[in-house]
Amino acid sequence: MTTSSWARRATSSGAFAAWTLAAALGCGKGGPPSAAPPGAPPVSSREPVDFAFDSIDDRVVDAESTRGAITVIAFVTTENLASQAQLDFLVAMAKHDGTRVHYAAVALEPKESREIVELYRKALSIPFPVALADARTLAGDGPFGDVRTVPAVVILDRAGRVAWRTEGHVARSDELREAMRGL
């Protein structure tokens, strides 16, 4: 069966969403997840990252509020299925971890999209803070380097240093747990 005939059959049978999610999960693409992309801080930076993003609610998304705990930050867009899949993994992890791990999402969306990002957060039942990226981050020159490829996930150690980073594929829970081990 050709890919196009399979896709037509999957679409008519309702399995298209599962096929699309499998494609979004990477299917072997994306390179090694621990490798930092060009323009990014090193995977294990020596200095804490100084950042502050405009939260869409009253919860703070900045360097100071995350110090002292492992922090997982997902950079996403509202129009990307892989971003949604990444957030689904993080929502499940956050429910399990409680306050032991800080989670946050940063939408790579302009300020004019604030209302859409709020609706996205509600639709996905995201329990952790969601913020809008600043102009520098949108331009690829923010505190985490160039993070315009989504989804991107950065894990900070308790001191706020980049301990692990990936982008361009959905990092599953087991992969994220392994990256957090020993931090």
N, C-alpha and C. Protein backbone atom coordinates (compact mmCIF):
# COMPACT_ATOMS: atom_id res chain seq x y z
N MET A 1 0.86 -1.17 0.00
CA MET A 1 0.00 0.00 0.00
C MET A 1 0.91 1.23 0.00
N THR A 2 0.63 2.16 -0.88
CA THR A 2 1.43 3.37 -0.94
C THR A 2 1.09 4.29 0.22
N THR A 3 2.01 5.22 0.50
CA THR A 3 1.77 6.16 1.59
C THR A 3 0.51 6.95 1.36
N SER A 4 0.27 7.42 0.12
CA SER A 4 -0.91 8.24 -0.13
C SER A 4 -2.19 7.43 0.01
N SER A 5 -2.21 6.17 -0.45
CA SER A 5 -3.42 5.37 -0.27
C SER A 5 -3.62 5.01 1.20
N TRP A 6 -2.53 4.80 1.93
CA TRP A 6 -2.64 4.55 3.37
C TRP A 6 -3.19 5.78 4.07
N ALA A 7 -2.69 6.95 3.69
CA ALA A 7 -3.16 8.19 4.31
C ALA A 7 -4.64 8.41 4.03
N ARG A 8 -5.09 8.12 2.78
CA ARG A 8 -6.53 8.27 2.47
C ARG A 8 -7.35 7.32 3.32
N ARG A 9 -6.90 6.07 3.42
CA ARG A 9 -7.63 5.09 4.20
C ARG A 9 -7.62 5.47 5.68
N ALA A 10 -6.46 5.94 6.19
CA ALA A 10 -6.37 6.34 7.60
C ALA A 10 -7.26 7.52 7.88
N THR A 11 -7.33 8.47 6.94
CA THR A 11 -8.17 9.64 7.14
C THR A 11 -9.63 9.22 7.21
N SER A 12 -10.04 8.34 6.32
CA SER A 12 -11.44 7.93 6.31
C SER A 12 -11.79 7.06 7.51
N SER A 13 -10.81 6.39 8.09
CA SER A 13 -11.10 5.52 9.22
C SER A 13 -10.93 6.20 10.57
N GLY A 14 -10.48 7.45 10.57
CA GLY A 14 -10.30 8.15 11.83
C GLY A 14 -8.94 7.92 12.45
N ALA A 15 -8.06 7.18 11.79
CA ALA A 15 -6.74 6.89 12.35
C ALA A 15 -5.71 7.94 11.96
N PHE A 16 -6.13 8.96 11.22
CA PHE A 16 -5.18 9.97 10.75
C PHE A 16 -4.49 10.67 11.91
N ALA A 17 -5.21 10.94 13.00
CA ALA A 17 -4.60 11.62 14.14
C ALA A 17 -3.47 10.78 14.72
N ALA A 18 -3.65 9.48 14.81
CA ALA A 18 -2.59 8.62 15.34
C ALA A 18 -1.39 8.61 14.39
N TRP A 19 -1.65 8.57 13.10
CA TRP A 19 -0.56 8.60 12.12
C TRP A 19 0.19 9.91 12.21
N THR A 20 -0.54 11.02 12.33
CA THR A 20 0.08 12.34 12.43
C THR A 20 0.91 12.44 13.70
N LEU A 21 0.39 11.93 14.82
CA LEU A 21 1.14 11.98 16.07
C LEU A 21 2.42 11.16 15.96
N ALA A 22 2.35 9.99 15.31
CA ALA A 22 3.56 9.19 15.13
C ALA A 22 4.59 9.95 14.32
N ALA A 23 4.15 10.67 13.31
CA ALA A 23 5.08 11.47 12.51
C ALA A 23 5.67 12.59 13.35
N ALA A 24 4.83 13.20 14.20
CA ALA A 24 5.31 14.30 15.04
C ALA A 24 6.30 13.83 16.10
N LEU A 25 6.20 12.58 16.51
CA LEU A 25 7.09 12.09 17.55
C LEU A 25 8.50 11.83 17.03
N GLY A 26 8.71 12.05 15.77
CA GLY A 26 10.08 12.04 15.30
C GLY A 26 10.42 10.99 14.27
N CYS A 27 9.98 9.78 14.46
CA CYS A 27 10.32 8.70 13.53
C CYS A 27 11.80 8.69 13.20
N GLY A 28 12.64 8.90 14.20
CA GLY A 28 14.08 8.81 14.00
C GLY A 28 14.74 10.10 13.59
N LYS A 29 14.00 11.18 13.46
CA LYS A 29 14.60 12.44 13.03
C LYS A 29 14.97 13.29 14.23
N GLY A 30 15.82 14.27 14.02
CA GLY A 30 16.09 15.26 15.06
C GLY A 30 17.48 15.20 15.62
N GLY A 31 18.26 14.19 15.35
CA GLY A 31 19.63 14.15 15.85
C GLY A 31 19.67 13.81 17.32
N PRO A 32 20.86 13.80 17.89
CA PRO A 32 20.99 13.45 19.29
C PRO A 32 20.37 14.51 20.17
N PRO A 33 19.46 14.13 21.09
CA PRO A 33 18.75 15.11 21.88
C PRO A 33 19.63 15.91 22.83
N SER A 34 20.77 15.41 23.21
CA SER A 34 21.59 16.15 24.17
C SER A 34 22.51 17.15 23.49
N ALA A 35 22.51 17.19 22.17
CA ALA A 35 23.38 18.12 21.45
C ALA A 35 22.72 19.48 21.36
N ALA A 36 23.44 20.52 21.70
CA ALA A 36 22.90 21.87 21.61
C ALA A 36 22.95 22.33 20.16
N PRO A 37 21.88 22.98 19.68
CA PRO A 37 21.88 23.49 18.32
C PRO A 37 22.80 24.69 18.18
N PRO A 38 23.14 25.05 16.93
CA PRO A 38 24.01 26.21 16.72
C PRO A 38 23.40 27.46 17.36
N GLY A 39 24.24 28.27 17.99
CA GLY A 39 23.79 29.51 18.61
C GLY A 39 23.24 29.34 20.01
N ALA A 40 23.16 28.10 20.49
CA ALA A 40 22.62 27.85 21.82
C ALA A 40 23.74 27.82 22.84
N PRO A 41 23.38 28.06 24.11
CA PRO A 41 24.38 27.88 25.15
C PRO A 41 24.83 26.42 25.15
N PRO A 42 26.03 26.13 25.63
CA PRO A 42 26.47 24.74 25.70
C PRO A 42 25.48 23.90 26.50
N VAL A 43 25.45 22.59 26.21
CA VAL A 43 24.52 21.71 26.91
C VAL A 43 24.71 21.81 28.42
N SER A 44 25.91 21.83 28.90
CA SER A 44 26.17 22.01 30.33
C SER A 44 26.87 23.35 30.52
N SER A 45 26.09 24.40 30.62
CA SER A 45 26.69 25.72 30.79
C SER A 45 27.16 25.89 32.23
N ARG A 46 28.21 26.63 32.43
CA ARG A 46 28.74 26.88 33.77
C ARG A 46 27.98 27.99 34.49
N GLU A 47 27.44 28.93 33.72
CA GLU A 47 26.75 30.07 34.30
C GLU A 47 25.24 29.86 34.28
N PRO A 48 24.54 30.28 35.32
CA PRO A 48 23.07 30.22 35.30
C PRO A 48 22.52 31.11 34.18
N VAL A 49 21.44 30.68 33.59
CA VAL A 49 20.79 31.44 32.53
C VAL A 49 19.89 32.49 33.18
N ASP A 50 20.03 33.73 32.75
CA ASP A 50 19.21 34.82 33.26
C ASP A 50 18.07 35.06 32.27
N PHE A 51 16.84 34.80 32.69
CA PHE A 51 15.71 34.95 31.79
C PHE A 51 14.49 35.45 32.55
N ALA A 52 13.61 36.09 31.82
CA ALA A 52 12.31 36.53 32.35
C ALA A 52 11.36 36.63 31.17
N PHE A 53 10.25 35.89 31.25
CA PHE A 53 9.26 35.90 30.18
C PHE A 53 7.93 36.40 30.73
N ASP A 54 7.14 37.01 29.88
CA ASP A 54 5.85 37.59 30.24
C ASP A 54 4.80 36.48 30.34
N SER A 55 4.45 36.12 31.57
CA SER A 55 3.47 35.06 31.80
C SER A 55 2.08 35.53 31.38
N ILE A 56 1.26 34.59 30.90
CA ILE A 56 -0.10 34.96 30.52
C ILE A 56 -1.06 34.94 31.71
N ASP A 57 -0.57 34.54 32.87
CA ASP A 57 -1.35 34.66 34.09
C ASP A 57 -0.44 35.27 35.16
N ASP A 58 -0.76 35.15 36.40
CA ASP A 58 0.01 35.80 37.46
C ASP A 58 1.23 35.01 37.92
N ARG A 59 1.49 33.85 37.34
CA ARG A 59 2.62 33.03 37.77
C ARG A 59 3.89 33.49 37.06
N VAL A 60 4.96 33.57 37.80
CA VAL A 60 6.23 34.10 37.30
C VAL A 60 6.99 33.03 36.52
N VAL A 61 7.58 33.45 35.40
CA VAL A 61 8.45 32.58 34.61
C VAL A 61 9.76 33.33 34.43
N ASP A 62 10.63 33.18 35.43
CA ASP A 62 11.93 33.84 35.36
C ASP A 62 12.98 33.03 36.10
N ALA A 63 14.22 33.44 35.95
CA ALA A 63 15.34 32.70 36.54
C ALA A 63 15.24 32.63 38.05
N GLU A 64 14.89 33.73 38.67
CA GLU A 64 14.86 33.77 40.14
C GLU A 64 13.83 32.80 40.73
N SER A 65 12.68 32.70 40.09
CA SER A 65 11.61 31.84 40.63
C SER A 65 11.91 30.35 40.45
N THR A 66 12.86 30.02 39.60
CA THR A 66 13.15 28.61 39.35
C THR A 66 14.37 28.09 40.09
N ARG A 67 15.16 28.98 40.68
CA ARG A 67 16.37 28.54 41.37
C ARG A 67 16.01 27.62 42.54
N GLY A 68 16.83 26.61 42.73
CA GLY A 68 16.64 25.69 43.84
C GLY A 68 15.91 24.42 43.47
N ALA A 69 15.37 24.36 42.26
CA ALA A 69 14.68 23.15 41.81
C ALA A 69 15.06 22.89 40.35
N ILE A 70 14.96 21.65 39.97
CA ILE A 70 15.13 21.31 38.56
C ILE A 70 14.00 21.99 37.80
N THR A 71 14.31 22.56 36.65
CA THR A 71 13.32 23.29 35.87
C THR A 71 13.29 22.76 34.44
N VAL A 72 12.10 22.51 33.94
CA VAL A 72 11.90 22.05 32.57
C VAL A 72 11.11 23.14 31.84
N ILE A 73 11.71 23.68 30.79
CA ILE A 73 11.05 24.73 30.00
C ILE A 73 10.86 24.21 28.59
N ALA A 74 9.62 24.25 28.12
CA ALA A 74 9.30 23.84 26.75
C ALA A 74 9.01 25.09 25.92
N PHE A 75 9.67 25.20 24.80
CA PHE A 75 9.40 26.26 23.84
C PHE A 75 8.51 25.67 22.76
N VAL A 76 7.33 26.27 22.56
CA VAL A 76 6.32 25.70 21.69
C VAL A 76 5.65 26.80 20.85
N THR A 77 4.85 26.37 19.89
CA THR A 77 3.95 27.27 19.18
C THR A 77 2.56 26.66 19.22
N THR A 78 1.55 27.50 19.05
CA THR A 78 0.17 27.01 19.10
C THR A 78 -0.25 26.30 17.83
N GLU A 79 0.51 26.45 16.77
CA GLU A 79 0.10 25.87 15.49
C GLU A 79 0.89 24.62 15.12
N ASN A 80 1.56 24.00 16.08
CA ASN A 80 2.44 22.88 15.79
C ASN A 80 1.99 21.66 16.59
N LEU A 81 1.65 20.58 15.89
CA LEU A 81 1.17 19.37 16.56
C LEU A 81 2.23 18.76 17.48
N ALA A 82 3.48 18.82 17.07
CA ALA A 82 4.55 18.28 17.92
C ALA A 82 4.66 19.06 19.22
N SER A 83 4.41 20.36 19.19
CA SER A 83 4.40 21.17 20.42
C SER A 83 3.31 20.68 21.36
N GLN A 84 2.14 20.40 20.81
CA GLN A 84 1.04 19.91 21.63
C GLN A 84 1.39 18.56 22.25
N ALA A 85 1.99 17.68 21.46
CA ALA A 85 2.39 16.37 21.99
C ALA A 85 3.42 16.54 23.10
N GLN A 86 4.38 17.46 22.91
CA GLN A 86 5.39 17.71 23.95
C GLN A 86 4.72 18.17 25.24
N LEU A 87 3.78 19.09 25.12
CA LEU A 87 3.09 19.59 26.30
C LEU A 87 2.28 18.49 26.98
N ASP A 88 1.70 17.57 26.22
CA ASP A 88 0.97 16.45 26.82
C ASP A 88 1.89 15.63 27.73
N PHE A 89 3.11 15.35 27.27
CA PHE A 89 4.07 14.63 28.11
C PHE A 89 4.39 15.43 29.38
N LEU A 90 4.62 16.73 29.22
CA LEU A 90 5.00 17.55 30.37
C LEU A 90 3.86 17.72 31.36
N VAL A 91 2.63 17.80 30.88
CA VAL A 91 1.47 17.91 31.78
C VAL A 91 1.39 16.66 32.65
N ALA A 92 1.56 15.49 32.04
CA ALA A 92 1.52 14.23 32.82
C ALA A 92 2.66 14.18 33.83
N MET A 93 3.83 14.62 33.42
CA MET A 93 4.98 14.62 34.34
C MET A 93 4.76 15.60 35.49
N ALA A 94 4.23 16.77 35.18
CA ALA A 94 4.00 17.78 36.21
C ALA A 94 3.00 17.30 37.25
N LYS A 95 1.97 16.59 36.81
CA LYS A 95 0.99 16.05 37.75
C LYS A 95 1.65 15.06 38.70
N HIS A 96 2.60 14.29 38.19
CA HIS A 96 3.31 13.31 39.01
C HIS A 96 4.32 13.98 39.94
N ASP A 97 5.02 14.98 39.45
CA ASP A 97 6.13 15.59 40.18
C ASP A 97 5.71 16.62 41.23
N GLY A 98 4.53 17.17 41.11
CA GLY A 98 4.11 18.19 42.07
C GLY A 98 5.05 19.39 42.05
N THR A 99 5.51 19.81 43.22
CA THR A 99 6.39 20.98 43.31
C THR A 99 7.88 20.63 43.29
N ARG A 100 8.23 19.34 43.15
CA ARG A 100 9.64 18.94 43.13
C ARG A 100 10.37 19.43 41.89
N VAL A 101 9.64 19.59 40.78
CA VAL A 101 10.23 20.06 39.53
C VAL A 101 9.39 21.23 39.04
N HIS A 102 10.06 22.31 38.64
CA HIS A 102 9.35 23.45 38.03
C HIS A 102 9.17 23.16 36.55
N TYR A 103 7.97 23.39 36.05
CA TYR A 103 7.69 23.27 34.63
C TYR A 103 7.18 24.61 34.14
N ALA A 104 7.49 24.95 32.90
CA ALA A 104 6.97 26.15 32.27
C ALA A 104 6.97 25.94 30.77
N ALA A 105 6.08 26.64 30.10
CA ALA A 105 6.06 26.64 28.64
C ALA A 105 6.22 28.08 28.18
N VAL A 106 6.98 28.26 27.12
CA VAL A 106 7.16 29.57 26.53
C VAL A 106 6.67 29.48 25.09
N ALA A 107 5.61 30.23 24.79
CA ALA A 107 5.05 30.23 23.44
C ALA A 107 5.85 31.19 22.57
N LEU A 108 6.35 30.67 21.48
CA LEU A 108 7.09 31.50 20.52
C LEU A 108 6.07 32.19 19.62
N GLU A 109 5.34 33.08 20.24
CA GLU A 109 4.25 33.80 19.59
C GLU A 109 4.39 35.28 19.90
N PRO A 110 3.98 36.15 18.98
CA PRO A 110 4.04 37.59 19.27
C PRO A 110 3.00 37.98 20.32
N LYS A 111 3.20 39.12 20.94
CA LYS A 111 2.27 39.59 21.99
C LYS A 111 0.83 39.67 21.51
N GLU A 112 0.65 39.92 20.22
CA GLU A 112 -0.70 40.00 19.66
C GLU A 112 -1.44 38.66 19.73
N SER A 113 -0.73 37.59 19.96
CA SER A 113 -1.32 36.25 20.03
C SER A 113 -1.63 35.83 21.46
N ARG A 114 -1.55 36.73 22.40
CA ARG A 114 -1.75 36.41 23.82
C ARG A 114 -3.07 35.66 24.05
N GLU A 115 -4.15 36.13 23.47
CA GLU A 115 -5.46 35.50 23.68
C GLU A 115 -5.47 34.07 23.13
N ILE A 116 -4.86 33.86 22.00
CA ILE A 116 -4.78 32.51 21.42
C ILE A 116 -3.97 31.59 22.34
N VAL A 117 -2.88 32.10 22.89
CA VAL A 117 -2.05 31.31 23.80
C VAL A 117 -2.84 30.98 25.07
N GLU A 118 -3.61 31.93 25.57
CA GLU A 118 -4.45 31.66 26.75
C GLU A 118 -5.45 30.54 26.45
N LEU A 119 -6.10 30.60 25.31
CA LEU A 119 -7.05 29.55 24.92
C LEU A 119 -6.35 28.21 24.75
N TYR A 120 -5.17 28.21 24.19
CA TYR A 120 -4.36 27.00 24.01
C TYR A 120 -4.04 26.38 25.37
N ARG A 121 -3.62 27.21 26.32
CA ARG A 121 -3.32 26.72 27.67
C ARG A 121 -4.55 26.06 28.30
N LYS A 122 -5.69 26.72 28.16
CA LYS A 122 -6.93 26.17 28.74
C LYS A 122 -7.34 24.88 28.04
N ALA A 123 -7.26 24.86 26.71
CA ALA A 123 -7.67 23.67 25.95
C ALA A 123 -6.82 22.45 26.30
N LEU A 124 -5.53 22.67 26.56
CA LEU A 124 -4.64 21.56 26.89
C LEU A 124 -4.56 21.29 28.39
N SER A 125 -5.28 22.08 29.19
CA SER A 125 -5.28 21.93 30.66
C SER A 125 -3.86 21.94 31.21
N ILE A 126 -3.08 22.93 30.81
CA ILE A 126 -1.69 23.03 31.26
C ILE A 126 -1.68 23.61 32.67
N PRO A 127 -1.19 22.84 33.66
CA PRO A 127 -1.23 23.30 35.04
C PRO A 127 -0.08 24.21 35.44
N PHE A 128 0.95 24.30 34.63
CA PHE A 128 2.12 25.10 34.97
C PHE A 128 2.08 26.42 34.19
N PRO A 129 2.94 27.37 34.56
CA PRO A 129 2.92 28.67 33.90
C PRO A 129 3.23 28.59 32.40
N VAL A 130 2.53 29.42 31.66
CA VAL A 130 2.76 29.57 30.23
C VAL A 130 3.05 31.05 29.98
N ALA A 131 4.11 31.31 29.24
CA ALA A 131 4.53 32.69 29.00
C ALA A 131 4.70 32.92 27.50
N LEU A 132 4.78 34.19 27.15
CA LEU A 132 5.09 34.57 25.77
C LEU A 132 6.58 34.86 25.68
N ALA A 133 7.18 34.49 24.59
CA ALA A 133 8.61 34.77 24.38
C ALA A 133 8.80 36.27 24.20
N ASP A 134 9.97 36.74 24.62
CA ASP A 134 10.30 38.15 24.40
C ASP A 134 10.81 38.34 22.97
N ALA A 135 10.99 39.59 22.57
CA ALA A 135 11.42 39.91 21.21
C ALA A 135 12.77 39.28 20.87
N ARG A 136 13.70 39.28 21.82
CA ARG A 136 15.01 38.68 21.56
C ARG A 136 14.90 37.18 21.29
N THR A 137 14.07 36.50 22.06
CA THR A 137 13.89 35.06 21.86
C THR A 137 13.24 34.79 20.51
N LEU A 138 12.23 35.58 20.16
CA LEU A 138 11.57 35.41 18.86
C LEU A 138 12.54 35.63 17.70
N ALA A 139 13.53 36.50 17.92
CA ALA A 139 14.54 36.78 16.89
C ALA A 139 15.66 35.74 16.88
N GLY A 140 15.66 34.82 17.84
CA GLY A 140 16.69 33.79 17.90
C GLY A 140 17.91 34.19 18.68
N ASP A 141 17.82 35.26 19.45
CA ASP A 141 18.97 35.78 20.20
C ASP A 141 18.64 35.96 21.68
N GLY A 142 17.78 35.10 22.21
CA GLY A 142 17.36 35.21 23.60
C GLY A 142 18.32 34.53 24.55
N PRO A 143 17.96 34.46 25.81
CA PRO A 143 18.84 33.89 26.83
C PRO A 143 19.16 32.40 26.62
N PHE A 144 18.32 31.70 25.86
CA PHE A 144 18.56 30.28 25.58
C PHE A 144 19.10 30.05 24.18
N GLY A 145 19.55 31.11 23.53
CA GLY A 145 20.06 31.00 22.17
C GLY A 145 18.94 30.92 21.17
N ASP A 146 19.20 30.30 20.05
CA ASP A 146 18.23 30.19 18.97
C ASP A 146 17.30 29.01 19.24
N VAL A 147 16.06 29.29 19.62
CA VAL A 147 15.09 28.24 19.92
C VAL A 147 13.85 28.36 19.03
N ARG A 148 14.07 28.67 17.78
CA ARG A 148 12.93 28.83 16.87
C ARG A 148 12.44 27.52 16.29
N THR A 149 13.15 26.41 16.50
CA THR A 149 12.68 25.10 16.05
C THR A 149 11.94 24.46 17.21
N VAL A 150 10.67 24.09 16.99
CA VAL A 150 9.85 23.56 18.06
C VAL A 150 9.47 22.11 17.78
N PRO A 151 9.15 21.38 18.83
CA PRO A 151 9.31 21.80 20.21
C PRO A 151 10.78 21.78 20.62
N ALA A 152 11.10 22.62 21.56
CA ALA A 152 12.43 22.63 22.17
C ALA A 152 12.24 22.51 23.67
N VAL A 153 13.08 21.73 24.30
CA VAL A 153 13.00 21.56 25.75
C VAL A 153 14.37 21.80 26.34
N VAL A 154 14.40 22.60 27.39
CA VAL A 154 15.62 22.89 28.13
C VAL A 154 15.40 22.46 29.57
N ILE A 155 16.37 21.74 30.11
CA ILE A 155 16.32 21.38 31.53
C ILE A 155 17.43 22.13 32.23
N LEU A 156 17.05 22.85 33.28
CA LEU A 156 18.00 23.59 34.10
C LEU A 156 18.24 22.84 35.39
N ASP A 157 19.50 22.83 35.85
CA ASP A 157 19.78 22.23 37.15
C ASP A 157 19.31 23.16 38.26
N ARG A 158 19.52 22.78 39.50
CA ARG A 158 19.03 23.57 40.64
C ARG A 158 19.66 24.95 40.73
N ALA A 159 20.82 25.13 40.12
CA ALA A 159 21.49 26.44 40.12
C ALA A 159 21.06 27.29 38.92
N GLY A 160 20.23 26.74 38.03
CA GLY A 160 19.75 27.50 36.88
C GLY A 160 20.63 27.39 35.65
N ARG A 161 21.53 26.41 35.65
CA ARG A 161 22.41 26.19 34.49
C ARG A 161 21.77 25.18 33.53
N VAL A 162 22.01 25.35 32.24
CA VAL A 162 21.49 24.41 31.25
C VAL A 162 22.19 23.07 31.47
N ALA A 163 21.39 22.05 31.77
CA ALA A 163 21.93 20.71 31.97
C ALA A 163 21.65 19.81 30.78
N TRP A 164 20.59 20.13 30.01
CA TRP A 164 20.19 19.29 28.89
C TRP A 164 19.29 20.11 27.98
N ARG A 165 19.36 19.79 26.69
CA ARG A 165 18.57 20.54 25.72
C ARG A 165 18.31 19.70 24.49
N THR A 166 17.13 19.86 23.93
CA THR A 166 16.80 19.22 22.66
C THR A 166 15.84 20.12 21.91
N GLU A 167 15.79 19.94 20.61
CA GLU A 167 14.79 20.65 19.83
C GLU A 167 14.50 19.90 18.55
N GLY A 168 13.31 20.15 18.03
CA GLY A 168 12.93 19.56 16.76
C GLY A 168 12.33 18.18 16.84
N HIS A 169 12.21 17.63 18.02
CA HIS A 169 11.50 16.36 18.18
C HIS A 169 10.83 16.36 19.54
N VAL A 170 9.85 15.48 19.71
CA VAL A 170 9.13 15.38 20.97
C VAL A 170 9.95 14.53 21.93
N ALA A 171 10.35 15.13 23.04
CA ALA A 171 11.09 14.40 24.08
C ALA A 171 10.07 13.69 24.97
N ARG A 172 10.13 12.39 24.97
CA ARG A 172 9.19 11.59 25.76
C ARG A 172 9.58 11.63 27.24
N SER A 173 8.64 11.22 28.07
CA SER A 173 8.83 11.26 29.52
C SER A 173 10.07 10.50 29.96
N ASP A 174 10.30 9.29 29.42
CA ASP A 174 11.46 8.51 29.84
C ASP A 174 12.76 9.21 29.47
N GLU A 175 12.80 9.86 28.34
CA GLU A 175 13.98 10.61 27.91
C GLU A 175 14.23 11.81 28.84
N LEU A 176 13.17 12.49 29.21
CA LEU A 176 13.28 13.64 30.12
C LEU A 176 13.69 13.19 31.52
N ARG A 177 13.11 12.09 31.98
CA ARG A 177 13.48 11.57 33.31
C ARG A 177 14.96 11.19 33.35
N GLU A 178 15.44 10.57 32.29
CA GLU A 178 16.85 10.19 32.23
C GLU A 178 17.73 11.44 32.27
N ALA A 179 17.32 12.48 31.56
CA ALA A 179 18.10 13.73 31.55
C ALA A 179 18.11 14.40 32.92
N MET A 180 17.06 14.21 33.70
CA MET A 180 16.97 14.83 35.03
C MET A 180 17.67 14.01 36.11
N ARG A 181 17.96 12.76 35.81
CA ARG A 181 18.58 11.89 36.79
C ARG A 181 19.91 12.47 37.25
N GLY A 182 20.09 12.57 38.53
CA GLY A 182 21.35 13.04 39.10
C GLY A 182 21.47 14.55 39.23
N LEU A 183 20.45 15.29 38.79
CA LEU A 183 20.54 16.76 38.90
C LEU A 183 20.14 17.23 40.30
